[in-house]
Amino acid sequence: QVQLVESGGGLVQPGGSLILSCTASESLNSLNAMGWYRQAPGKQRELVAYIIQGGTTNYAESVKGRFTVSRDDAKNTVYLQMNSLKPEDTALYYCNVHGVGVVQYDYWGQGTQVTVSS
């Protein structure tokens, strides 16, 4: 079972920046998307961003232009650079890795809290 370990959450003021990282416990050699979802209190979990090997990305409209997802396959790690943070970005952020080719799988991290408040 692949484990995902997230880090980088915390408290930041509006307009500030944070970077999240998530490392998988082993290499996933099949085609996959690595990315981030978030869940705010009382709301459903939603996609933030993901990236597939080769660089294809997908972002939620609410974070386009502010967040950047990237990956380092040599380190089995995905990053989320978050700039111009807003109070509405406050949520528990979950790392996710899922297969997008012939091999199907879906792994989740435990979540890291991001709080944007003055």
PDB file of N, CA and C in Angstrom:
ATOM      1  N   GLN A   1       0.845  -1.187   0.000  1.00  0.00           N
ATOM      2  CA  GLN A   1       0.000   0.000   0.000  1.00  0.00           C
ATOM      3  C   GLN A   1       0.890   1.250   0.000  1.00  0.00           C
ATOM      4  N   VAL A   2       0.707   2.097  -0.969  1.00  0.00           N
ATOM      5  CA  VAL A   2       1.477   3.334  -1.068  1.00  0.00           C
ATOM      6  C   VAL A   2       0.975   4.317  -0.017  1.00  0.00           C
ATOM      7  N   GLN A   3       1.899   4.931   0.683  1.00  0.00           N
ATOM      8  CA  GLN A   3       1.545   5.976   1.650  1.00  0.00           C
ATOM      9  C   GLN A   3       1.980   7.331   1.130  1.00  0.00           C
ATOM     10  N   LEU A   4       1.153   8.325   1.382  1.00  0.00           N
ATOM     11  CA  LEU A   4       1.448   9.692   0.976  1.00  0.00           C
ATOM     12  C   LEU A   4       1.603  10.539   2.233  1.00  0.00           C
ATOM     13  N   VAL A   5       2.697  11.253   2.330  1.00  0.00           N
ATOM     14  CA  VAL A   5       2.980  12.090   3.495  1.00  0.00           C
ATOM     15  C   VAL A   5       3.039  13.538   3.062  1.00  0.00           C
ATOM     16  N   GLU A   6       2.124  14.340   3.619  1.00  0.00           N
ATOM     17  CA  GLU A   6       2.032  15.762   3.266  1.00  0.00           C
ATOM     18  C   GLU A   6       2.752  16.611   4.307  1.00  0.00           C
ATOM     19  N   SER A   7       3.186  17.780   3.873  1.00  0.00           N
ATOM     20  CA  SER A   7       3.752  18.763   4.795  1.00  0.00           C
ATOM     21  C   SER A   7       3.577  20.155   4.211  1.00  0.00           C
ATOM     22  N   GLY A   8       3.723  21.158   5.070  1.00  0.00           N
ATOM     23  CA  GLY A   8       3.729  22.524   4.585  1.00  0.00           C
ATOM     24  C   GLY A   8       2.520  23.365   4.928  1.00  0.00           C
ATOM     25  N   GLY A   9       1.499  22.774   5.523  1.00  0.00           N
ATOM     26  CA  GLY A   9       0.336  23.566   5.891  1.00  0.00           C
ATOM     27  C   GLY A   9       0.632  24.491   7.056  1.00  0.00           C
ATOM     28  N   GLY A  10      -0.340  25.359   7.357  1.00  0.00           N
ATOM     29  CA  GLY A  10      -0.160  26.271   8.475  1.00  0.00           C
ATOM     30  C   GLY A  10      -1.094  27.442   8.403  1.00  0.00           C
ATOM     31  N   LEU A  11      -0.789  28.442   9.217  1.00  0.00           N
ATOM     32  CA  LEU A  11      -1.573  29.673   9.284  1.00  0.00           C
ATOM     33  C   LEU A  11      -0.839  30.765   8.520  1.00  0.00           C
ATOM     34  N   VAL A  12      -1.562  31.460   7.654  1.00  0.00           N
ATOM     35  CA  VAL A  12      -0.964  32.530   6.860  1.00  0.00           C
ATOM     36  C   VAL A  12      -1.970  33.660   6.730  1.00  0.00           C
ATOM     37  N   GLN A  13      -1.464  34.872   6.619  1.00  0.00           N
ATOM     38  CA  GLN A  13      -2.345  36.022   6.445  1.00  0.00           C
ATOM     39  C   GLN A  13      -2.841  36.114   5.009  1.00  0.00           C
ATOM     40  N   PRO A  14      -3.989  36.742   4.813  1.00  0.00           N
ATOM     41  CA  PRO A  14      -4.471  36.948   3.434  1.00  0.00           C
ATOM     42  C   PRO A  14      -3.403  37.648   2.599  1.00  0.00           C
ATOM     43  N   GLY A  15      -3.252  37.166   1.372  1.00  0.00           N
ATOM     44  CA  GLY A  15      -2.225  37.693   0.483  1.00  0.00           C
ATOM     45  C   GLY A  15      -0.894  36.982   0.595  1.00  0.00           C
ATOM     46  N   GLY A  16      -0.773  36.113   1.577  1.00  0.00           N
ATOM     47  CA  GLY A  16       0.474  35.406   1.792  1.00  0.00           C
ATOM     48  C   GLY A  16       0.618  34.178   0.914  1.00  0.00           C
ATOM     49  N   SER A  17       1.710  33.454   1.150  1.00  0.00           N
ATOM     50  CA  SER A  17       2.035  32.271   0.348  1.00  0.00           C
ATOM     51  C   SER A  17       2.380  31.091   1.242  1.00  0.00           C
ATOM     52  N   LEU A  18       2.131  29.911   0.704  1.00  0.00           N
ATOM     53  CA  LEU A  18       2.528  28.658   1.330  1.00  0.00           C
ATOM     54  C   LEU A  18       2.880  27.683   0.232  1.00  0.00           C
ATOM     55  N   ILE A  19       3.731  26.726   0.567  1.00  0.00           N
ATOM     56  CA  ILE A  19       3.999  25.639  -0.366  1.00  0.00           C
ATOM     57  C   ILE A  19       3.751  24.322   0.358  1.00  0.00           C
ATOM     58  N   LEU A  20       2.932  23.484  -0.265  1.00  0.00           N
ATOM     59  CA  LEU A  20       2.660  22.152   0.248  1.00  0.00           C
ATOM     60  C   LEU A  20       3.493  21.137  -0.528  1.00  0.00           C
ATOM     61  N   SER A  21       3.886  20.087   0.157  1.00  0.00           N
ATOM     62  CA  SER A  21       4.572  18.997  -0.529  1.00  0.00           C
ATOM     63  C   SER A  21       3.992  17.669  -0.075  1.00  0.00           C
ATOM     64  N   CYS A  22       4.103  16.692  -0.937  1.00  0.00           N
ATOM     65  CA  CYS A  22       3.564  15.361  -0.659  1.00  0.00           C
ATOM     66  C   CYS A  22       4.493  14.338  -1.305  1.00  0.00           C
ATOM     67  N   THR A  23       4.977  13.411  -0.490  1.00  0.00           N
ATOM     68  CA  THR A  23       5.896  12.402  -0.983  1.00  0.00           C
ATOM     69  C   THR A  23       5.287  11.018  -0.855  1.00  0.00           C
ATOM     70  N   ALA A  24       5.350  10.274  -1.936  1.00  0.00           N
ATOM     71  CA  ALA A  24       4.873   8.894  -1.939  1.00  0.00           C
ATOM     72  C   ALA A  24       5.961   7.963  -1.417  1.00  0.00           C
ATOM     73  N   SER A  25       5.532   6.905  -0.743  1.00  0.00           N
ATOM     74  CA  SER A  25       6.473   5.981  -0.100  1.00  0.00           C
ATOM     75  C   SER A  25       7.208   5.100  -1.098  1.00  0.00           C
ATOM     76  N   GLU A  26       6.719   5.052  -2.335  1.00  0.00           N
ATOM     77  CA  GLU A  26       7.399   4.274  -3.355  1.00  0.00           C
ATOM     78  C   GLU A  26       7.104   4.869  -4.718  1.00  0.00           C
ATOM     79  N   SER A  27       7.917   4.500  -5.662  1.00  0.00           N
ATOM     80  CA  SER A  27       7.737   5.001  -7.016  1.00  0.00           C
ATOM     81  C   SER A  27       6.543   4.320  -7.677  1.00  0.00           C
ATOM     82  N   LEU A  28       5.758   5.106  -8.371  1.00  0.00           N
ATOM     83  CA  LEU A  28       4.606   4.590  -9.126  1.00  0.00           C
ATOM     84  C   LEU A  28       4.958   4.700 -10.599  1.00  0.00           C
ATOM     85  N   ASN A  29       5.350   3.609 -11.168  1.00  0.00           N
ATOM     86  CA  ASN A  29       5.907   3.661 -12.511  1.00  0.00           C
ATOM     87  C   ASN A  29       4.856   3.807 -13.603  1.00  0.00           C
ATOM     88  N   SER A  30       3.608   3.535 -13.281  1.00  0.00           N
ATOM     89  CA  SER A  30       2.567   3.650 -14.299  1.00  0.00           C
ATOM     90  C   SER A  30       2.114   5.103 -14.416  1.00  0.00           C
ATOM     91  N   LEU A  31       1.431   5.391 -15.516  1.00  0.00           N
ATOM     92  CA  LEU A  31       0.958   6.744 -15.771  1.00  0.00           C
ATOM     93  C   LEU A  31       0.000   7.184 -14.659  1.00  0.00           C
ATOM     94  N   ASN A  32       0.273   8.340 -14.067  1.00  0.00           N
ATOM     95  CA  ASN A  32      -0.550   8.765 -12.951  1.00  0.00           C
ATOM     96  C   ASN A  32      -0.659  10.277 -12.865  1.00  0.00           C
ATOM     97  N   ALA A  33      -1.663  10.695 -12.152  1.00  0.00           N
ATOM     98  CA  ALA A  33      -1.848  12.102 -11.829  1.00  0.00           C
ATOM     99  C   ALA A  33      -1.564  12.284 -10.348  1.00  0.00           C
ATOM    100  N   MET A  34      -0.743  13.250 -10.025  1.00  0.00           N
ATOM    101  CA  MET A  34      -0.472  13.604  -8.631  1.00  0.00           C
ATOM    102  C   MET A  34      -1.065  14.993  -8.405  1.00  0.00           C
ATOM    103  N   GLY A  35      -1.731  15.163  -7.275  1.00  0.00           N
ATOM    104  CA  GLY A  35      -2.315  16.478  -7.069  1.00  0.00           C
ATOM    105  C   GLY A  35      -2.924  16.668  -5.708  1.00  0.00           C
ATOM    106  N   TRP A  36      -3.783  17.667  -5.652  1.00  0.00           N
ATOM    107  CA  TRP A  36      -4.327  18.128  -4.392  1.00  0.00           C
ATOM    108  C   TRP A  36      -5.827  18.365  -4.489  1.00  0.00           C
ATOM    109  N   TYR A  37      -6.505  17.979  -3.426  1.00  0.00           N
ATOM    110  CA  TYR A  37      -7.909  18.278  -3.217  1.00  0.00           C
ATOM    111  C   TYR A  37      -8.024  19.002  -1.882  1.00  0.00           C
ATOM    112  N   ARG A  38      -9.145  19.651  -1.665  1.00  0.00           N
ATOM    113  CA  ARG A  38      -9.343  20.315  -0.375  1.00  0.00           C
ATOM    114  C   ARG A  38     -10.788  20.189   0.064  1.00  0.00           C
ATOM    115  N   GLN A  39     -10.961  20.272   1.383  1.00  0.00           N
ATOM    116  CA  GLN A  39     -12.296  20.206   1.948  1.00  0.00           C
ATOM    117  C   GLN A  39     -12.411  21.213   3.078  1.00  0.00           C
ATOM    118  N   ALA A  40     -13.315  22.161   2.890  1.00  0.00           N
ATOM    119  CA  ALA A  40     -13.596  23.160   3.919  1.00  0.00           C
ATOM    120  C   ALA A  40     -14.739  22.647   4.792  1.00  0.00           C
ATOM    121  N   PRO A  41     -14.838  23.136   6.012  1.00  0.00           N
ATOM    122  CA  PRO A  41     -15.920  22.689   6.904  1.00  0.00           C
ATOM    123  C   PRO A  41     -17.293  22.872   6.274  1.00  0.00           C
ATOM    124  N   GLY A  42     -18.082  21.817   6.297  1.00  0.00           N
ATOM    125  CA  GLY A  42     -19.435  21.876   5.765  1.00  0.00           C
ATOM    126  C   GLY A  42     -19.525  21.803   4.257  1.00  0.00           C
ATOM    127  N   LYS A  43     -18.393  21.583   3.590  1.00  0.00           N
ATOM    128  CA  LYS A  43     -18.399  21.520   2.124  1.00  0.00           C
ATOM    129  C   LYS A  43     -17.847  20.186   1.646  1.00  0.00           C
ATOM    130  N   GLN A  44     -18.113  19.885   0.386  1.00  0.00           N
ATOM    131  CA  GLN A  44     -17.600  18.660  -0.205  1.00  0.00           C
ATOM    132  C   GLN A  44     -16.135  18.832  -0.598  1.00  0.00           C
ATOM    133  N   ARG A  45     -15.438  17.716  -0.652  1.00  0.00           N
ATOM    134  CA  ARG A  45     -14.060  17.750  -1.116  1.00  0.00           C
ATOM    135  C   ARG A  45     -14.046  18.147  -2.589  1.00  0.00           C
ATOM    136  N   GLU A  46     -13.120  19.020  -2.952  1.00  0.00           N
ATOM    137  CA  GLU A  46     -13.046  19.495  -4.334  1.00  0.00           C
ATOM    138  C   GLU A  46     -11.615  19.443  -4.849  1.00  0.00           C
ATOM    139  N   LEU A  47     -11.510  19.313  -6.157  1.00  0.00           N
ATOM    140  CA  LEU A  47     -10.202  19.329  -6.802  1.00  0.00           C
ATOM    141  C   LEU A  47      -9.580  20.711  -6.692  1.00  0.00           C
ATOM    142  N   VAL A  48      -8.286  20.744  -6.374  1.00  0.00           N
ATOM    143  CA  VAL A  48      -7.525  21.998  -6.441  1.00  0.00           C
ATOM    144  C   VAL A  48      -6.689  22.002  -7.716  1.00  0.00           C
ATOM    145  N   ALA A  49      -5.844  20.985  -7.870  1.00  0.00           N
ATOM    146  CA  ALA A  49      -4.988  20.904  -9.049  1.00  0.00           C
ATOM    147  C   ALA A  49      -4.339  19.542  -9.113  1.00  0.00           C
ATOM    148  N   TYR A  50      -4.027  19.102 -10.341  1.00  0.00           N
ATOM    149  CA  TYR A  50      -3.218  17.900 -10.493  1.00  0.00           C
ATOM    150  C   TYR A  50      -2.305  18.052 -11.690  1.00  0.00           C
ATOM    151  N   ILE A  51      -1.289  17.168 -11.728  1.00  0.00           N
ATOM    152  CA  ILE A  51      -0.325  17.168 -12.817  1.00  0.00           C
ATOM    153  C   ILE A  51      -0.003  15.723 -13.186  1.00  0.00           C
ATOM    154  N   ILE A  52       0.047  15.468 -14.490  1.00  0.00           N
ATOM    155  CA  ILE A  52       0.364  14.151 -15.019  1.00  0.00           C
ATOM    156  C   ILE A  52       1.794  14.175 -15.531  1.00  0.00           C
ATOM    157  N   GLN A  53       2.467  13.035 -15.527  1.00  0.00           N
ATOM    158  CA  GLN A  53       3.811  12.975 -16.112  1.00  0.00           C
ATOM    159  C   GLN A  53       3.781  13.581 -17.514  1.00  0.00           C
ATOM    160  N   GLY A  54       4.778  14.369 -17.814  1.00  0.00           N
ATOM    161  CA  GLY A  54       4.804  15.068 -19.093  1.00  0.00           C
ATOM    162  C   GLY A  54       4.363  16.512 -18.952  1.00  0.00           C
ATOM    163  N   GLY A  55       3.694  16.811 -17.832  1.00  0.00           N
ATOM    164  CA  GLY A  55       3.393  18.207 -17.538  1.00  0.00           C
ATOM    165  C   GLY A  55       1.958  18.659 -17.702  1.00  0.00           C
ATOM    166  N   THR A  56       1.085  17.806 -18.157  1.00  0.00           N
ATOM    167  CA  THR A  56      -0.316  18.213 -18.278  1.00  0.00           C
ATOM    168  C   THR A  56      -0.884  18.527 -16.901  1.00  0.00           C
ATOM    169  N   THR A  57      -1.519  19.696 -16.787  1.00  0.00           N
ATOM    170  CA  THR A  57      -2.077  20.122 -15.506  1.00  0.00           C
ATOM    171  C   THR A  57      -3.564  20.439 -15.628  1.00  0.00           C
ATOM    172  N   ASN A  58      -4.221  20.450 -14.478  1.00  0.00           N
ATOM    173  CA  ASN A  58      -5.628  20.834 -14.414  1.00  0.00           C
ATOM    174  C   ASN A  58      -5.827  21.580 -13.099  1.00  0.00           C
ATOM    175  N   TYR A  59      -6.471  22.738 -13.164  1.00  0.00           N
ATOM    176  CA  TYR A  59      -6.678  23.572 -11.981  1.00  0.00           C
ATOM    177  C   TYR A  59      -8.156  23.905 -11.807  1.00  0.00           C
ATOM    178  N   ALA A  60      -8.558  24.027 -10.546  1.00  0.00           N
ATOM    179  CA  ALA A  60      -9.869  24.588 -10.276  1.00  0.00           C
ATOM    180  C   ALA A  60      -9.871  26.053 -10.701  1.00  0.00           C
ATOM    181  N   GLU A  61     -11.005  26.521 -11.187  1.00  0.00           N
ATOM    182  CA  GLU A  61     -11.091  27.921 -11.643  1.00  0.00           C
ATOM    183  C   GLU A  61     -10.731  28.892 -10.527  1.00  0.00           C
ATOM    184  N   SER A  62     -11.082  28.542  -9.314  1.00  0.00           N
ATOM    185  CA  SER A  62     -10.890  29.458  -8.188  1.00  0.00           C
ATOM    186  C   SER A  62      -9.422  29.674  -7.824  1.00  0.00           C
ATOM    187  N   VAL A  63      -8.526  28.813  -8.319  1.00  0.00           N
ATOM    188  CA  VAL A  63      -7.113  28.943  -7.950  1.00  0.00           C
ATOM    189  C   VAL A  63      -6.229  29.269  -9.150  1.00  0.00           C
ATOM    190  N   LYS A  64      -6.783  29.290 -10.330  1.00  0.00           N
ATOM    191  CA  LYS A  64      -5.980  29.587 -11.526  1.00  0.00           C
ATOM    192  C   LYS A  64      -5.306  30.946 -11.392  1.00  0.00           C
ATOM    193  N   GLY A  65      -4.022  30.974 -11.737  1.00  0.00           N
ATOM    194  CA  GLY A  65      -3.273  32.221 -11.655  1.00  0.00           C
ATOM    195  C   GLY A  65      -2.675  32.479 -10.284  1.00  0.00           C
ATOM    196  N   ARG A  66      -3.099  31.713  -9.280  1.00  0.00           N
ATOM    197  CA  ARG A  66      -2.575  31.901  -7.924  1.00  0.00           C
ATOM    198  C   ARG A  66      -1.786  30.673  -7.437  1.00  0.00           C
ATOM    199  N   PHE A  67      -2.233  29.496  -7.826  1.00  0.00           N
ATOM    200  CA  PHE A  67      -1.591  28.254  -7.384  1.00  0.00           C
ATOM    201  C   PHE A  67      -0.849  27.612  -8.555  1.00  0.00           C
ATOM    202  N   THR A  68       0.243  26.921  -8.231  1.00  0.00           N
ATOM    203  CA  THR A  68       1.009  26.190  -9.230  1.00  0.00           C
ATOM    204  C   THR A  68       1.332  24.806  -8.694  1.00  0.00           C
ATOM    205  N   VAL A  69       0.956  23.788  -9.454  1.00  0.00           N
ATOM    206  CA  VAL A  69       1.269  22.409  -9.088  1.00  0.00           C
ATOM    207  C   VAL A  69       2.466  21.945  -9.903  1.00  0.00           C
ATOM    208  N   SER A  70       3.356  21.198  -9.261  1.00  0.00           N
ATOM    209  CA  SER A  70       4.531  20.655  -9.940  1.00  0.00           C
ATOM    210  C   SER A  70       4.875  19.306  -9.318  1.00  0.00           C
ATOM    211  N   ARG A  71       5.730  18.565 -10.011  1.00  0.00           N
ATOM    212  CA  ARG A  71       6.117  17.261  -9.492  1.00  0.00           C
ATOM    213  C   ARG A  71       7.579  16.992  -9.790  1.00  0.00           C
ATOM    214  N   ASP A  72       8.183  16.177  -8.920  1.00  0.00           N
ATOM    215  CA  ASP A  72       9.562  15.721  -9.102  1.00  0.00           C
ATOM    216  C   ASP A  72       9.498  14.203  -9.002  1.00  0.00           C
ATOM    217  N   ASP A  73       9.495  13.533 -10.131  1.00  0.00           N
ATOM    218  CA  ASP A  73       9.323  12.083 -10.130  1.00  0.00           C
ATOM    219  C   ASP A  73      10.529  11.367  -9.544  1.00  0.00           C
ATOM    220  N   ALA A  74      11.686  11.977  -9.581  1.00  0.00           N
ATOM    221  CA  ALA A  74      12.870  11.359  -8.965  1.00  0.00           C
ATOM    222  C   ALA A  74      12.713  11.271  -7.448  1.00  0.00           C
ATOM    223  N   LYS A  75      11.894  12.168  -6.893  1.00  0.00           N
ATOM    224  CA  LYS A  75      11.653  12.197  -5.452  1.00  0.00           C
ATOM    225  C   LYS A  75      10.262  11.699  -5.083  1.00  0.00           C
ATOM    226  N   ASN A  76       9.492  11.251  -6.074  1.00  0.00           N
ATOM    227  CA  ASN A  76       8.104  10.798  -5.832  1.00  0.00           C
ATOM    228  C   ASN A  76       7.299  11.870  -5.095  1.00  0.00           C
ATOM    229  N   THR A  77       7.485  13.115  -5.485  1.00  0.00           N
ATOM    230  CA  THR A  77       6.915  14.237  -4.732  1.00  0.00           C
ATOM    231  C   THR A  77       6.134  15.171  -5.639  1.00  0.00           C
ATOM    232  N   VAL A  78       5.022  15.652  -5.105  1.00  0.00           N
ATOM    233  CA  VAL A  78       4.230  16.674  -5.770  1.00  0.00           C
ATOM    234  C   VAL A  78       4.173  17.897  -4.855  1.00  0.00           C
ATOM    235  N   TYR A  79       4.189  19.071  -5.476  1.00  0.00           N
ATOM    236  CA  TYR A  79       4.184  20.328  -4.745  1.00  0.00           C
ATOM    237  C   TYR A  79       2.974  21.177  -5.143  1.00  0.00           C
ATOM    238  N   LEU A  80       2.567  22.039  -4.226  1.00  0.00           N
ATOM    239  CA  LEU A  80       1.547  23.024  -4.538  1.00  0.00           C
ATOM    240  C   LEU A  80       2.012  24.369  -3.999  1.00  0.00           C
ATOM    241  N   GLN A  81       2.413  25.253  -4.901  1.00  0.00           N
ATOM    242  CA  GLN A  81       2.787  26.610  -4.525  1.00  0.00           C
ATOM    243  C   GLN A  81       1.522  27.444  -4.518  1.00  0.00           C
ATOM    244  N   MET A  82       1.206  28.021  -3.368  1.00  0.00           N
ATOM    245  CA  MET A  82      -0.017  28.803  -3.220  1.00  0.00           C
ATOM    246  C   MET A  82       0.339  30.253  -2.926  1.00  0.00           C
ATOM    247  N   ASN A  83      -0.039  31.141  -3.821  1.00  0.00           N
ATOM    248  CA  ASN A  83       0.215  32.572  -3.662  1.00  0.00           C
ATOM    249  C   ASN A  83      -1.107  33.331  -3.561  1.00  0.00           C
ATOM    250  N   SER A  84      -1.024  34.549  -3.107  1.00  0.00           N
ATOM    251  CA  SER A  84      -2.205  35.420  -2.994  1.00  0.00           C
ATOM    252  C   SER A  84      -3.352  34.693  -2.297  1.00  0.00           C
ATOM    253  N   LEU A  85      -3.040  34.088  -1.190  1.00  0.00           N
ATOM    254  CA  LEU A  85      -4.041  33.281  -0.490  1.00  0.00           C
ATOM    255  C   LEU A  85      -5.177  34.135   0.047  1.00  0.00           C
ATOM    256  N   LYS A  86      -6.380  33.544   0.018  1.00  0.00           N
ATOM    257  CA  LYS A  86      -7.591  34.204   0.455  1.00  0.00           C
ATOM    258  C   LYS A  86      -8.217  33.410   1.603  1.00  0.00           C
ATOM    259  N   PRO A  87      -9.024  34.056   2.421  1.00  0.00           N
ATOM    260  CA  PRO A  87      -9.689  33.313   3.504  1.00  0.00           C
ATOM    261  C   PRO A  87     -10.480  32.109   2.996  1.00  0.00           C
ATOM    262  N   GLU A  88     -11.043  32.230   1.804  1.00  0.00           N
ATOM    263  CA  GLU A  88     -11.823  31.115   1.260  1.00  0.00           C
ATOM    264  C   GLU A  88     -10.961  29.935   0.827  1.00  0.00           C
ATOM    265  N   ASP A  89      -9.643  30.085   0.859  1.00  0.00           N
ATOM    266  CA  ASP A  89      -8.746  28.958   0.600  1.00  0.00           C
ATOM    267  C   ASP A  89      -8.555  28.094   1.857  1.00  0.00           C
ATOM    268  N   THR A  90      -9.072  28.545   2.976  1.00  0.00           N
ATOM    269  CA  THR A  90      -8.957  27.779   4.219  1.00  0.00           C
ATOM    270  C   THR A  90      -9.647  26.425   4.074  1.00  0.00           C
ATOM    271  N   ALA A  91      -8.898  25.365   4.328  1.00  0.00           N
ATOM    272  CA  ALA A  91      -9.423  24.009   4.166  1.00  0.00           C
ATOM    273  C   ALA A  91      -8.384  23.002   4.609  1.00  0.00           C
ATOM    274  N   LEU A  92      -8.825  21.754   4.672  1.00  0.00           N
ATOM    275  CA  LEU A  92      -7.897  20.637   4.834  1.00  0.00           C
ATOM    276  C   LEU A  92      -7.508  20.186   3.436  1.00  0.00           C
ATOM    277  N   TYR A  93      -6.229  20.209   3.146  1.00  0.00           N
ATOM    278  CA  TYR A  93      -5.727  19.887   1.817  1.00  0.00           C
ATOM    279  C   TYR A  93      -5.202  18.450   1.802  1.00  0.00           C
ATOM    280  N   TYR A  94      -5.713  17.674   0.852  1.00  0.00           N
ATOM    281  CA  TYR A  94      -5.355  16.268   0.726  1.00  0.00           C
ATOM    282  C   TYR A  94      -4.531  16.039  -0.535  1.00  0.00           C
ATOM    283  N   CYS A  95      -3.472  15.283  -0.376  1.00  0.00           N
ATOM    284  CA  CYS A  95      -2.689  14.835  -1.513  1.00  0.00           C
ATOM    285  C   CYS A  95      -3.358  13.586  -2.111  1.00  0.00           C
ATOM    286  N   ASN A  96      -3.295  13.481  -3.418  1.00  0.00           N
ATOM    287  CA  ASN A  96      -3.884  12.324  -4.105  1.00  0.00           C
ATOM    288  C   ASN A  96      -2.991  11.875  -5.254  1.00  0.00           C
ATOM    289  N   VAL A  97      -2.887  10.575  -5.408  1.00  0.00           N
ATOM    290  CA  VAL A  97      -2.233  10.002  -6.576  1.00  0.00           C
ATOM    291  C   VAL A  97      -3.166   8.944  -7.150  1.00  0.00           C
ATOM    292  N   HIS A  98      -3.464   9.030  -8.437  1.00  0.00           N
ATOM    293  CA  HIS A  98      -4.330   8.022  -9.041  1.00  0.00           C
ATOM    294  C   HIS A  98      -3.839   7.679 -10.434  1.00  0.00           C
ATOM    295  N   GLY A  99      -4.042   6.427 -10.785  1.00  0.00           N
ATOM    296  CA  GLY A  99      -3.637   5.972 -12.099  1.00  0.00           C
ATOM    297  C   GLY A  99      -4.542   6.560 -13.169  1.00  0.00           C
ATOM    298  N   VAL A 100      -3.960   6.916 -14.292  1.00  0.00           N
ATOM    299  CA  VAL A 100      -4.743   7.451 -15.406  1.00  0.00           C
ATOM    300  C   VAL A 100      -4.543   6.639 -16.679  1.00  0.00           C
ATOM    301  N   GLY A 101      -3.856   5.526 -16.550  1.00  0.00           N
ATOM    302  CA  GLY A 101      -3.654   4.672 -17.713  1.00  0.00           C
ATOM    303  C   GLY A 101      -4.335   3.332 -17.514  1.00  0.00           C
ATOM    304  N   VAL A 102      -3.673   2.277 -17.955  1.00  0.00           N
ATOM    305  CA  VAL A 102      -4.229   0.929 -17.855  1.00  0.00           C
ATOM    306  C   VAL A 102      -4.315   0.479 -16.398  1.00  0.00           C
ATOM    307  N   VAL A 103      -3.298   0.852 -15.603  1.00  0.00           N
ATOM    308  CA  VAL A 103      -3.260   0.440 -14.196  1.00  0.00           C
ATOM    309  C   VAL A 103      -4.023   1.462 -13.361  1.00  0.00           C
ATOM    310  N   GLN A 104      -5.048   1.015 -12.667  1.00  0.00           N
ATOM    311  CA  GLN A 104      -5.895   1.913 -11.883  1.00  0.00           C
ATOM    312  C   GLN A 104      -5.600   1.785 -10.388  1.00  0.00           C
ATOM    313  N   TYR A 105      -5.427   2.906  -9.732  1.00  0.00           N
ATOM    314  CA  TYR A 105      -5.270   2.954  -8.290  1.00  0.00           C
ATOM    315  C   TYR A 105      -5.609   4.361  -7.830  1.00  0.00           C
ATOM    316  N   ASP A 106      -5.775   4.499  -6.520  1.00  0.00           N
ATOM    317  CA  ASP A 106      -6.208   5.789  -5.979  1.00  0.00           C
ATOM    318  C   ASP A 106      -5.749   5.856  -4.533  1.00  0.00           C
ATOM    319  N   TYR A 107      -4.759   6.687  -4.258  1.00  0.00           N
ATOM    320  CA  TYR A 107      -4.199   6.811  -2.921  1.00  0.00           C
ATOM    321  C   TYR A 107      -4.391   8.226  -2.395  1.00  0.00           C
ATOM    322  N   TRP A 108      -4.622   8.312  -1.056  1.00  0.00           N
ATOM    323  CA  TRP A 108      -4.853   9.612  -0.420  1.00  0.00           C
ATOM    324  C   TRP A 108      -3.927   9.809   0.775  1.00  0.00           C
ATOM    325  N   GLY A 109      -3.534  11.038   0.996  1.00  0.00           N
ATOM    326  CA  GLY A 109      -2.816  11.395   2.202  1.00  0.00           C
ATOM    327  C   GLY A 109      -3.783  11.691   3.332  1.00  0.00           C
ATOM    328  N   GLN A 110      -3.225  11.990   4.497  1.00  0.00           N
ATOM    329  CA  GLN A 110      -4.029  12.244   5.690  1.00  0.00           C
ATOM    330  C   GLN A 110      -4.583  13.666   5.729  1.00  0.00           C
ATOM    331  N   GLY A 111      -4.003  14.543   4.974  1.00  0.00           N
ATOM    332  CA  GLY A 111      -4.475  15.926   4.951  1.00  0.00           C
ATOM    333  C   GLY A 111      -3.580  16.851   5.759  1.00  0.00           C
ATOM    334  N   THR A 112      -3.454  18.079   5.288  1.00  0.00           N
ATOM    335  CA  THR A 112      -2.712  19.108   6.007  1.00  0.00           C
ATOM    336  C   THR A 112      -3.560  20.383   6.010  1.00  0.00           C
ATOM    337  N   GLN A 113      -3.665  21.013   7.170  1.00  0.00           N
ATOM    338  CA  GLN A 113      -4.550  22.153   7.334  1.00  0.00           C
ATOM    339  C   GLN A 113      -3.901  23.441   6.832  1.00  0.00           C
ATOM    340  N   VAL A 114      -4.651  24.173   6.036  1.00  0.00           N
ATOM    341  CA  VAL A 114      -4.248  25.510   5.604  1.00  0.00           C
ATOM    342  C   VAL A 114      -5.304  26.489   6.113  1.00  0.00           C
ATOM    343  N   THR A 115      -4.872  27.470   6.881  1.00  0.00           N
ATOM    344  CA  THR A 115      -5.776  28.476   7.418  1.00  0.00           C
ATOM    345  C   THR A 115      -5.294  29.851   6.997  1.00  0.00           C
ATOM    346  N   VAL A 116      -6.168  30.593   6.324  1.00  0.00           N
ATOM    347  CA  VAL A 116      -5.844  31.941   5.863  1.00  0.00           C
ATOM    348  C   VAL A 116      -6.680  32.919   6.676  1.00  0.00           C
ATOM    349  N   SER A 117      -5.997  33.662   7.532  1.00  0.00           N
ATOM    350  CA  SER A 117      -6.714  34.556   8.441  1.00  0.00           C
ATOM    351  C   SER A 117      -5.786  35.647   8.936  1.00  0.00           C
ATOM    352  N   SER A 118      -6.370  36.806   9.186  1.00  0.00           N
ATOM    353  CA  SER A 118      -5.588  37.905   9.761  1.00  0.00           C
ATOM    354  C   SER A 118      -5.711  37.908  11.281  1.00  0.00           C
TER     355      SER A 118
END
